[in-house]
Amino acid sequence: MEWLSKRLRELLAERGLTVQDLSNQTGLSRSYLSLIMHGRRRPPEETIRRLATFLSQDPDEWVFRALKEPEVDKISREFPKHFAIYTRKITDRDEH
């Protein structure tokens, strides 16, 4: 969720939008958006797609990055040696 929170804050700042503006345009409550932006709520895929579409971003990329990458990042930080070995095995397997 770190990625989504950070990306939302960046895009709102770049575009001069407030959380209230985002709420008005997406139909999501301001308090719910605030929870997402502070990493306290993990939105479902549909909500991620709605936010990406409103902000003219690729919804598929957002879903992948918001839901998949943080887990991979967390695993790679917690188990760096095992993660490196696993990644090499997958890469080697895919090359053959």
PDB file of N, CA and C in Angstrom:
ATOM      1  N   MET A   1       0.792  -1.188   0.000  1.00  0.00           N
ATOM      2  CA  MET A   1       0.000   0.000   0.000  1.00  0.00           C
ATOM      3  C   MET A   1       0.841   1.261   0.000  1.00  0.00           C
ATOM      4  N   GLU A   2       2.077   1.124   0.386  1.00  0.00           N
ATOM      5  CA  GLU A   2       2.945   2.303   0.392  1.00  0.00           C
ATOM      6  C   GLU A   2       2.967   2.969  -0.973  1.00  0.00           C
ATOM      7  N   TRP A   3       3.046   2.163  -2.011  1.00  0.00           N
ATOM      8  CA  TRP A   3       3.143   2.723  -3.359  1.00  0.00           C
ATOM      9  C   TRP A   3       1.902   3.538  -3.689  1.00  0.00           C
ATOM     10  N   LEU A   4       0.740   2.985  -3.425  1.00  0.00           N
ATOM     11  CA  LEU A   4      -0.501   3.673  -3.755  1.00  0.00           C
ATOM     12  C   LEU A   4      -0.633   4.973  -2.972  1.00  0.00           C
ATOM     13  N   SER A   5      -0.353   4.917  -1.700  1.00  0.00           N
ATOM     14  CA  SER A   5      -0.436   6.119  -0.862  1.00  0.00           C
ATOM     15  C   SER A   5       0.470   7.221  -1.400  1.00  0.00           C
ATOM     16  N   LYS A   6       1.701   6.852  -1.664  1.00  0.00           N
ATOM     17  CA  LYS A   6       2.686   7.821  -2.161  1.00  0.00           C
ATOM     18  C   LYS A   6       2.273   8.376  -3.517  1.00  0.00           C
ATOM     19  N   ARG A   7       1.835   7.501  -4.406  1.00  0.00           N
ATOM     20  CA  ARG A   7       1.474   7.931  -5.767  1.00  0.00           C
ATOM     21  C   ARG A   7       0.266   8.860  -5.753  1.00  0.00           C
ATOM     22  N   LEU A   8      -0.711   8.555  -4.942  1.00  0.00           N
ATOM     23  CA  LEU A   8      -1.878   9.430  -4.843  1.00  0.00           C
ATOM     24  C   LEU A   8      -1.476  10.819  -4.354  1.00  0.00           C
ATOM     25  N   ARG A   9      -0.659  10.862  -3.320  1.00  0.00           N
ATOM     26  CA  ARG A   9      -0.214  12.166  -2.799  1.00  0.00           C
ATOM     27  C   ARG A   9       0.557  12.948  -3.867  1.00  0.00           C
ATOM     28  N   GLU A  10       1.441  12.258  -4.591  1.00  0.00           N
ATOM     29  CA  GLU A  10       2.225  12.928  -5.638  1.00  0.00           C
ATOM     30  C   GLU A  10       1.327  13.517  -6.721  1.00  0.00           C
ATOM     31  N   LEU A  11       0.399  12.702  -7.218  1.00  0.00           N
ATOM     32  CA  LEU A  11      -0.458  13.171  -8.308  1.00  0.00           C
ATOM     33  C   LEU A  11      -1.390  14.292  -7.877  1.00  0.00           C
ATOM     34  N   LEU A  12      -1.912  14.208  -6.675  1.00  0.00           N
ATOM     35  CA  LEU A  12      -2.765  15.297  -6.199  1.00  0.00           C
ATOM     36  C   LEU A  12      -1.968  16.589  -6.086  1.00  0.00           C
ATOM     37  N   ALA A  13      -0.754  16.503  -5.556  1.00  0.00           N
ATOM     38  CA  ALA A  13       0.090  17.690  -5.423  1.00  0.00           C
ATOM     39  C   ALA A  13       0.445  18.265  -6.796  1.00  0.00           C
ATOM     40  N   GLU A  14       0.826  17.398  -7.736  1.00  0.00           N
ATOM     41  CA  GLU A  14       1.188  17.848  -9.091  1.00  0.00           C
ATOM     42  C   GLU A  14       0.029  18.574  -9.762  1.00  0.00           C
ATOM     43  N   ARG A  15      -1.178  18.118  -9.510  1.00  0.00           N
ATOM     44  CA  ARG A  15      -2.347  18.671 -10.190  1.00  0.00           C
ATOM     45  C   ARG A  15      -3.083  19.722  -9.375  1.00  0.00           C
ATOM     46  N   GLY A  16      -2.563  20.008  -8.202  1.00  0.00           N
ATOM     47  CA  GLY A  16      -3.202  21.017  -7.362  1.00  0.00           C
ATOM     48  C   GLY A  16      -4.582  20.599  -6.888  1.00  0.00           C
ATOM     49  N   LEU A  17      -4.778  19.307  -6.667  1.00  0.00           N
ATOM     50  CA  LEU A  17      -6.065  18.787  -6.216  1.00  0.00           C
ATOM     51  C   LEU A  17      -6.015  18.475  -4.727  1.00  0.00           C
ATOM     52  N   THR A  18      -7.168  18.541  -4.095  1.00  0.00           N
ATOM     53  CA  THR A  18      -7.282  18.164  -2.692  1.00  0.00           C
ATOM     54  C   THR A  18      -7.953  16.800  -2.597  1.00  0.00           C
ATOM     55  N   VAL A  19      -7.923  16.237  -1.395  1.00  0.00           N
ATOM     56  CA  VAL A  19      -8.626  14.970  -1.166  1.00  0.00           C
ATOM     57  C   VAL A  19     -10.118  15.176  -1.404  1.00  0.00           C
ATOM     58  N   GLN A  20     -10.619  16.338  -1.042  1.00  0.00           N
ATOM     59  CA  GLN A  20     -12.034  16.636  -1.284  1.00  0.00           C
ATOM     60  C   GLN A  20     -12.343  16.661  -2.776  1.00  0.00           C
ATOM     61  N   ASP A  21     -11.441  17.226  -3.592  1.00  0.00           N
ATOM     62  CA  ASP A  21     -11.628  17.219  -5.040  1.00  0.00           C
ATOM     63  C   ASP A  21     -11.711  15.779  -5.554  1.00  0.00           C
ATOM     64  N   LEU A  22     -10.789  14.951  -5.077  1.00  0.00           N
ATOM     65  CA  LEU A  22     -10.769  13.551  -5.492  1.00  0.00           C
ATOM     66  C   LEU A  22     -12.055  12.853  -5.062  1.00  0.00           C
ATOM     67  N   SER A  23     -12.510  13.153  -3.870  1.00  0.00           N
ATOM     68  CA  SER A  23     -13.753  12.578  -3.371  1.00  0.00           C
ATOM     69  C   SER A  23     -14.935  12.978  -4.246  1.00  0.00           C
ATOM     70  N   ASN A  24     -15.020  14.251  -4.555  1.00  0.00           N
ATOM     71  CA  ASN A  24     -16.124  14.758  -5.380  1.00  0.00           C
ATOM     72  C   ASN A  24     -16.149  14.100  -6.753  1.00  0.00           C
ATOM     73  N   GLN A  25     -14.987  13.878  -7.327  1.00  0.00           N
ATOM     74  CA  GLN A  25     -14.906  13.344  -8.683  1.00  0.00           C
ATOM     75  C   GLN A  25     -15.041  11.826  -8.770  1.00  0.00           C
ATOM     76  N   THR A  26     -14.674  11.123  -7.715  1.00  0.00           N
ATOM     77  CA  THR A  26     -14.708   9.650  -7.763  1.00  0.00           C
ATOM     78  C   THR A  26     -15.896   9.050  -7.028  1.00  0.00           C
ATOM     79  N   GLY A  27     -16.566   9.858  -6.193  1.00  0.00           N
ATOM     80  CA  GLY A  27     -17.687   9.342  -5.422  1.00  0.00           C
ATOM     81  C   GLY A  27     -17.257   8.576  -4.175  1.00  0.00           C
ATOM     82  N   LEU A  28     -15.963   8.579  -3.880  1.00  0.00           N
ATOM     83  CA  LEU A  28     -15.447   7.932  -2.675  1.00  0.00           C
ATOM     84  C   LEU A  28     -15.407   8.960  -1.555  1.00  0.00           C
ATOM     85  N   SER A  29     -15.696   8.537  -0.344  1.00  0.00           N
ATOM     86  CA  SER A  29     -15.729   9.513   0.751  1.00  0.00           C
ATOM     87  C   SER A  29     -14.327  10.050   1.042  1.00  0.00           C
ATOM     88  N   ARG A  30     -14.309  11.274   1.518  1.00  0.00           N
ATOM     89  CA  ARG A  30     -13.043  11.923   1.852  1.00  0.00           C
ATOM     90  C   ARG A  30     -12.318  11.154   2.956  1.00  0.00           C
ATOM     91  N   SER A  31     -13.062  10.670   3.932  1.00  0.00           N
ATOM     92  CA  SER A  31     -12.433   9.933   5.037  1.00  0.00           C
ATOM     93  C   SER A  31     -11.846   8.606   4.548  1.00  0.00           C
ATOM     94  N   TYR A  32     -12.537   7.920   3.628  1.00  0.00           N
ATOM     95  CA  TYR A  32     -12.025   6.669   3.069  1.00  0.00           C
ATOM     96  C   TYR A  32     -10.754   6.930   2.263  1.00  0.00           C
ATOM     97  N   LEU A  33     -10.767   7.972   1.449  1.00  0.00           N
ATOM     98  CA  LEU A  33      -9.575   8.325   0.668  1.00  0.00           C
ATOM     99  C   LEU A  33      -8.411   8.685   1.589  1.00  0.00           C
ATOM    100  N   SER A  34      -8.708   9.373   2.668  1.00  0.00           N
ATOM    101  CA  SER A  34      -7.662   9.725   3.621  1.00  0.00           C
ATOM    102  C   SER A  34      -7.029   8.472   4.227  1.00  0.00           C
ATOM    103  N   LEU A  35      -7.843   7.491   4.551  1.00  0.00           N
ATOM    104  CA  LEU A  35      -7.311   6.234   5.078  1.00  0.00           C
ATOM    105  C   LEU A  35      -6.400   5.544   4.064  1.00  0.00           C
ATOM    106  N   ILE A  36      -6.818   5.559   2.807  1.00  0.00           N
ATOM    107  CA  ILE A  36      -5.994   4.970   1.739  1.00  0.00           C
ATOM    108  C   ILE A  36      -4.673   5.723   1.629  1.00  0.00           C
ATOM    109  N   MET A  37      -4.755   7.051   1.631  1.00  0.00           N
ATOM    110  CA  MET A  37      -3.562   7.869   1.439  1.00  0.00           C
ATOM    111  C   MET A  37      -2.589   7.800   2.613  1.00  0.00           C
ATOM    112  N   HIS A  38      -3.066   7.354   3.764  1.00  0.00           N
ATOM    113  CA  HIS A  38      -2.196   7.192   4.926  1.00  0.00           C
ATOM    114  C   HIS A  38      -1.811   5.726   5.133  1.00  0.00           C
ATOM    115  N   GLY A  39      -2.160   4.886   4.158  1.00  0.00           N
ATOM    116  CA  GLY A  39      -1.781   3.484   4.218  1.00  0.00           C
ATOM    117  C   GLY A  39      -2.515   2.676   5.272  1.00  0.00           C
ATOM    118  N   ARG A  40      -3.659   3.163   5.701  1.00  0.00           N
ATOM    119  CA  ARG A  40      -4.411   2.470   6.752  1.00  0.00           C
ATOM    120  C   ARG A  40      -5.539   1.608   6.203  1.00  0.00           C
ATOM    121  N   ARG A  41      -5.813   1.726   4.929  1.00  0.00           N
ATOM    122  CA  ARG A  41      -6.881   0.955   4.318  1.00  0.00           C
ATOM    123  C   ARG A  41      -6.394   0.441   2.975  1.00  0.00           C
ATOM    124  N   ARG A  42      -6.647  -0.815   2.731  1.00  0.00           N
ATOM    125  CA  ARG A  42      -6.278  -1.423   1.450  1.00  0.00           C
ATOM    126  C   ARG A  42      -7.538  -1.494   0.594  1.00  0.00           C
ATOM    127  N   PRO A  43      -7.613  -0.655  -0.438  1.00  0.00           N
ATOM    128  CA  PRO A  43      -8.827  -0.624  -1.253  1.00  0.00           C
ATOM    129  C   PRO A  43      -8.908  -1.845  -2.172  1.00  0.00           C
ATOM    130  N   PRO A  44     -10.122  -2.220  -2.539  1.00  0.00           N
ATOM    131  CA  PRO A  44     -10.276  -3.314  -3.498  1.00  0.00           C
ATOM    132  C   PRO A  44      -9.840  -2.885  -4.900  1.00  0.00           C
ATOM    133  N   GLU A  45      -9.675  -3.858  -5.754  1.00  0.00           N
ATOM    134  CA  GLU A  45      -9.211  -3.605  -7.122  1.00  0.00           C
ATOM    135  C   GLU A  45     -10.083  -2.579  -7.833  1.00  0.00           C
ATOM    136  N   GLU A  46     -11.385  -2.673  -7.688  1.00  0.00           N
ATOM    137  CA  GLU A  46     -12.301  -1.746  -8.358  1.00  0.00           C
ATOM    138  C   GLU A  46     -12.014  -0.296  -7.976  1.00  0.00           C
ATOM    139  N   THR A  47     -11.736  -0.060  -6.710  1.00  0.00           N
ATOM    140  CA  THR A  47     -11.438   1.291  -6.235  1.00  0.00           C
ATOM    141  C   THR A  47     -10.109   1.782  -6.794  1.00  0.00           C
ATOM    142  N   ILE A  48      -9.125   0.909  -6.833  1.00  0.00           N
ATOM    143  CA  ILE A  48      -7.822   1.279  -7.397  1.00  0.00           C
ATOM    144  C   ILE A  48      -7.985   1.656  -8.859  1.00  0.00           C
ATOM    145  N   ARG A  49      -8.764   0.884  -9.588  1.00  0.00           N
ATOM    146  CA  ARG A  49      -9.007   1.185 -11.006  1.00  0.00           C
ATOM    147  C   ARG A  49      -9.737   2.524 -11.163  1.00  0.00           C
ATOM    148  N   ARG A  50     -10.687   2.789 -10.304  1.00  0.00           N
ATOM    149  CA  ARG A  50     -11.425   4.058 -10.370  1.00  0.00           C
ATOM    150  C   ARG A  50     -10.496   5.244 -10.147  1.00  0.00           C
ATOM    151  N   LEU A  51      -9.621   5.131  -9.159  1.00  0.00           N
ATOM    152  CA  LEU A  51      -8.669   6.207  -8.879  1.00  0.00           C
ATOM    153  C   LEU A  51      -7.701   6.402 -10.043  1.00  0.00           C
ATOM    154  N   ALA A  52      -7.169   5.305 -10.562  1.00  0.00           N
ATOM    155  CA  ALA A  52      -6.227   5.389 -11.686  1.00  0.00           C
ATOM    156  C   ALA A  52      -6.882   6.032 -12.897  1.00  0.00           C
ATOM    157  N   THR A  53      -8.086   5.615 -13.208  1.00  0.00           N
ATOM    158  CA  THR A  53      -8.794   6.156 -14.373  1.00  0.00           C
ATOM    159  C   THR A  53      -9.037   7.649 -14.206  1.00  0.00           C
ATOM    160  N   PHE A  54      -9.492   8.059 -13.043  1.00  0.00           N
ATOM    161  CA  PHE A  54      -9.724   9.484 -12.812  1.00  0.00           C
ATOM    162  C   PHE A  54      -8.436  10.286 -12.974  1.00  0.00           C
ATOM    163  N   LEU A  55      -7.317   9.723 -12.537  1.00  0.00           N
ATOM    164  CA  LEU A  55      -6.036  10.433 -12.603  1.00  0.00           C
ATOM    165  C   LEU A  55      -5.278  10.172 -13.908  1.00  0.00           C
ATOM    166  N   SER A  56      -5.970   9.600 -14.897  1.00  0.00           N
ATOM    167  CA  SER A  56      -5.404   9.331 -16.237  1.00  0.00           C
ATOM    168  C   SER A  56      -4.160   8.452 -16.163  1.00  0.00           C
ATOM    169  N   GLN A  57      -4.228   7.432 -15.345  1.00  0.00           N
ATOM    170  CA  GLN A  57      -3.133   6.480 -15.192  1.00  0.00           C
ATOM    171  C   GLN A  57      -3.597   5.119 -15.710  1.00  0.00           C
ATOM    172  N   ASP A  58      -2.663   4.211 -15.907  1.00  0.00           N
ATOM    173  CA  ASP A  58      -2.982   2.872 -16.384  1.00  0.00           C
ATOM    174  C   ASP A  58      -3.559   2.045 -15.231  1.00  0.00           C
ATOM    175  N   PRO A  59      -4.847   1.701 -15.284  1.00  0.00           N
ATOM    176  CA  PRO A  59      -5.464   0.954 -14.188  1.00  0.00           C
ATOM    177  C   PRO A  59      -4.807  -0.404 -13.922  1.00  0.00           C
ATOM    178  N   ASP A  60      -4.395  -1.104 -14.972  1.00  0.00           N
ATOM    179  CA  ASP A  60      -3.757  -2.413 -14.782  1.00  0.00           C
ATOM    180  C   ASP A  60      -2.442  -2.273 -14.024  1.00  0.00           C
ATOM    181  N   GLU A  61      -1.658  -1.285 -14.378  1.00  0.00           N
ATOM    182  CA  GLU A  61      -0.389  -1.059 -13.670  1.00  0.00           C
ATOM    183  C   GLU A  61      -0.652  -0.716 -12.208  1.00  0.00           C
ATOM    184  N   TRP A  62      -1.638   0.123 -11.978  1.00  0.00           N
ATOM    185  CA  TRP A  62      -1.948   0.507 -10.598  1.00  0.00           C
ATOM    186  C   TRP A  62      -2.363  -0.701  -9.767  1.00  0.00           C
ATOM    187  N   VAL A  63      -3.198  -1.550 -10.331  1.00  0.00           N
ATOM    188  CA  VAL A  63      -3.630  -2.739  -9.585  1.00  0.00           C
ATOM    189  C   VAL A  63      -2.425  -3.599  -9.270  1.00  0.00           C
ATOM    190  N   PHE A  64      -1.576  -3.831 -10.255  1.00  0.00           N
ATOM    191  CA  PHE A  64      -0.394  -4.654 -10.028  1.00  0.00           C
ATOM    192  C   PHE A  64       0.493  -4.049  -8.952  1.00  0.00           C
ATOM    193  N   ARG A  65       0.809  -2.789  -9.113  1.00  0.00           N
ATOM    194  CA  ARG A  65       1.740  -2.158  -8.176  1.00  0.00           C
ATOM    195  C   ARG A  65       1.145  -2.005  -6.781  1.00  0.00           C
ATOM    196  N   ALA A  66      -0.121  -1.681  -6.704  1.00  0.00           N
ATOM    197  CA  ALA A  66      -0.749  -1.461  -5.402  1.00  0.00           C
ATOM    198  C   ALA A  66      -0.995  -2.761  -4.642  1.00  0.00           C
ATOM    199  N   LEU A  67      -1.322  -3.822  -5.362  1.00  0.00           N
ATOM    200  CA  LEU A  67      -1.677  -5.063  -4.682  1.00  0.00           C
ATOM    201  C   LEU A  67      -0.566  -6.098  -4.659  1.00  0.00           C
ATOM    202  N   LYS A  68       0.308  -6.082  -5.629  1.00  0.00           N
ATOM    203  CA  LYS A  68       1.321  -7.132  -5.716  1.00  0.00           C
ATOM    204  C   LYS A  68       2.695  -6.691  -5.238  1.00  0.00           C
ATOM    205  N   GLU A  69       3.168  -5.572  -5.718  1.00  0.00           N
ATOM    206  CA  GLU A  69       4.534  -5.154  -5.421  1.00  0.00           C
ATOM    207  C   GLU A  69       4.857  -5.011  -3.940  1.00  0.00           C
ATOM    208  N   PRO A  70       3.969  -4.415  -3.141  1.00  0.00           N
ATOM    209  CA  PRO A  70       4.349  -4.265  -1.736  1.00  0.00           C
ATOM    210  C   PRO A  70       4.652  -5.604  -1.063  1.00  0.00           C
ATOM    211  N   GLU A  71       3.899  -6.630  -1.421  1.00  0.00           N
ATOM    212  CA  GLU A  71       4.153  -7.936  -0.830  1.00  0.00           C
ATOM    213  C   GLU A  71       5.515  -8.454  -1.256  1.00  0.00           C
ATOM    214  N   VAL A  72       5.849  -8.284  -2.509  1.00  0.00           N
ATOM    215  CA  VAL A  72       7.154  -8.713  -2.999  1.00  0.00           C
ATOM    216  C   VAL A  72       8.253  -7.900  -2.322  1.00  0.00           C
ATOM    217  N   ASP A  73       8.060  -6.597  -2.218  1.00  0.00           N
ATOM    218  CA  ASP A  73       9.050  -5.745  -1.560  1.00  0.00           C
ATOM    219  C   ASP A  73       9.254  -6.166  -0.109  1.00  0.00           C
ATOM    220  N   LYS A  74       8.166  -6.448   0.573  1.00  0.00           N
ATOM    221  CA  LYS A  74       8.252  -6.848   1.976  1.00  0.00           C
ATOM    222  C   LYS A  74       9.017  -8.162   2.111  1.00  0.00           C
ATOM    223  N   ILE A  75       8.707  -9.123   1.270  1.00  0.00           N
ATOM    224  CA  ILE A  75       9.395 -10.420   1.321  1.00  0.00           C
ATOM    225  C   ILE A  75      10.871 -10.244   1.010  1.00  0.00           C
ATOM    226  N   SER A  76      11.187  -9.438  -0.007  1.00  0.00           N
ATOM    227  CA  SER A  76      12.590  -9.255  -0.378  1.00  0.00           C
ATOM    228  C   SER A  76      13.384  -8.574   0.737  1.00  0.00           C
ATOM    229  N   ARG A  77      12.742  -7.686   1.503  1.00  0.00           N
ATOM    230  CA  ARG A  77      13.423  -7.033   2.624  1.00  0.00           C
ATOM    231  C   ARG A  77      13.592  -7.970   3.810  1.00  0.00           C
ATOM    232  N   GLU A  78      12.573  -8.770   4.082  1.00  0.00           N
ATOM    233  CA  GLU A  78      12.621  -9.655   5.241  1.00  0.00           C
ATOM    234  C   GLU A  78      13.502 -10.889   5.020  1.00  0.00           C
ATOM    235  N   PHE A  79      13.543 -11.359   3.782  1.00  0.00           N
ATOM    236  CA  PHE A  79      14.298 -12.573   3.473  1.00  0.00           C
ATOM    237  C   PHE A  79      15.161 -12.366   2.226  1.00  0.00           C
ATOM    238  N   PRO A  80      16.126 -11.446   2.281  1.00  0.00           N
ATOM    239  CA  PRO A  80      16.877 -11.086   1.077  1.00  0.00           C
ATOM    240  C   PRO A  80      17.614 -12.262   0.433  1.00  0.00           C
ATOM    241  N   LYS A  81      18.250 -13.084   1.221  1.00  0.00           N
ATOM    242  CA  LYS A  81      19.005 -14.208   0.666  1.00  0.00           C
ATOM    243  C   LYS A  81      18.070 -15.202  -0.008  1.00  0.00           C
ATOM    244  N   HIS A  82      17.008 -15.574   0.655  1.00  0.00           N
ATOM    245  CA  HIS A  82      16.059 -16.532   0.096  1.00  0.00           C
ATOM    246  C   HIS A  82      15.359 -15.974  -1.141  1.00  0.00           C
ATOM    247  N   PHE A  83      15.052 -14.685  -1.070  1.00  0.00           N
ATOM    248  CA  PHE A  83      14.390 -14.056  -2.209  1.00  0.00           C
ATOM    249  C   PHE A  83      15.299 -14.054  -3.434  1.00  0.00           C
ATOM    250  N   ALA A  84      16.577 -13.768  -3.237  1.00  0.00           N
ATOM    251  CA  ALA A  84      17.538 -13.764  -4.353  1.00  0.00           C
ATOM    252  C   ALA A  84      17.662 -15.156  -4.958  1.00  0.00           C
ATOM    253  N   ILE A  85      17.737 -16.173  -4.121  1.00  0.00           N
ATOM    254  CA  ILE A  85      17.845 -17.552  -4.620  1.00  0.00           C
ATOM    255  C   ILE A  85      16.585 -17.916  -5.400  1.00  0.00           C
ATOM    256  N   TYR A  86      15.424 -17.600  -4.862  1.00  0.00           N
ATOM    257  CA  TYR A  86      14.159 -17.896  -5.526  1.00  0.00           C
ATOM    258  C   TYR A  86      14.047 -17.177  -6.867  1.00  0.00           C
ATOM    259  N   THR A  87      14.442 -15.911  -6.886  1.00  0.00           N
ATOM    260  CA  THR A  87      14.385 -15.127  -8.125  1.00  0.00           C
ATOM    261  C   THR A  87      15.292 -15.725  -9.195  1.00  0.00           C
ATOM    262  N   ARG A  88      16.497 -16.137  -8.800  1.00  0.00           N
ATOM    263  CA  ARG A  88      17.410 -16.771  -9.766  1.00  0.00           C
ATOM    264  C   ARG A  88      16.813 -18.059 -10.311  1.00  0.00           C
ATOM    265  N   LYS A  89      16.206 -18.854  -9.468  1.00  0.00           N
ATOM    266  CA  LYS A  89      15.608 -20.119  -9.916  1.00  0.00           C
ATOM    267  C   LYS A  89      14.494 -19.874 -10.922  1.00  0.00           C
ATOM    268  N   ILE A  90      13.658 -18.913 -10.642  1.00  0.00           N
ATOM    269  CA  ILE A  90      12.567 -18.596 -11.568  1.00  0.00           C
ATOM    270  C   ILE A  90      13.117 -18.085 -12.884  1.00  0.00           C
ATOM    271  N   THR A  91      14.097 -17.199 -12.818  1.00  0.00           N
ATOM    272  CA  THR A  91      14.701 -16.640 -14.029  1.00  0.00           C
ATOM    273  C   THR A  91      15.352 -17.735 -14.863  1.00  0.00           C
ATOM    274  N   ASP A  92      16.084 -18.606 -14.210  1.00  0.00           N
ATOM    275  CA  ASP A  92      16.734 -19.710 -14.917  1.00  0.00           C
ATOM    276  C   ASP A  92      15.703 -20.637 -15.548  1.00  0.00           C
ATOM    277  N   ARG A  93      14.637 -20.928 -14.814  1.00  0.00           N
ATOM    278  CA  ARG A  93      13.600 -21.824 -15.324  1.00  0.00           C
ATOM    279  C   ARG A  93      12.904 -21.210 -16.546  1.00  0.00           C
ATOM    280  N   ASP A  94      12.628 -19.902 -16.488  1.00  0.00           N
ATOM    281  CA  ASP A  94      11.949 -19.237 -17.588  1.00  0.00           C
ATOM    282  C   ASP A  94      12.812 -19.109 -18.831  1.00  0.00           C
ATOM    283  N   GLU A  95      14.113 -19.119 -18.669  1.00  0.00           N
ATOM    284  CA  GLU A  95      15.024 -18.991 -19.810  1.00  0.00           C
ATOM    285  C   GLU A  95      15.180 -20.304 -20.574  1.00  0.00           C
ATOM    286  N   HIS A  96      14.814 -21.413 -19.941  1.00  0.00           N
ATOM    287  CA  HIS A  96      14.982 -22.713 -20.603  1.00  0.00           C
ATOM    288  C   HIS A  96      13.719 -23.234 -21.174  1.00  0.00           C
TER     289      HIS A  96
END
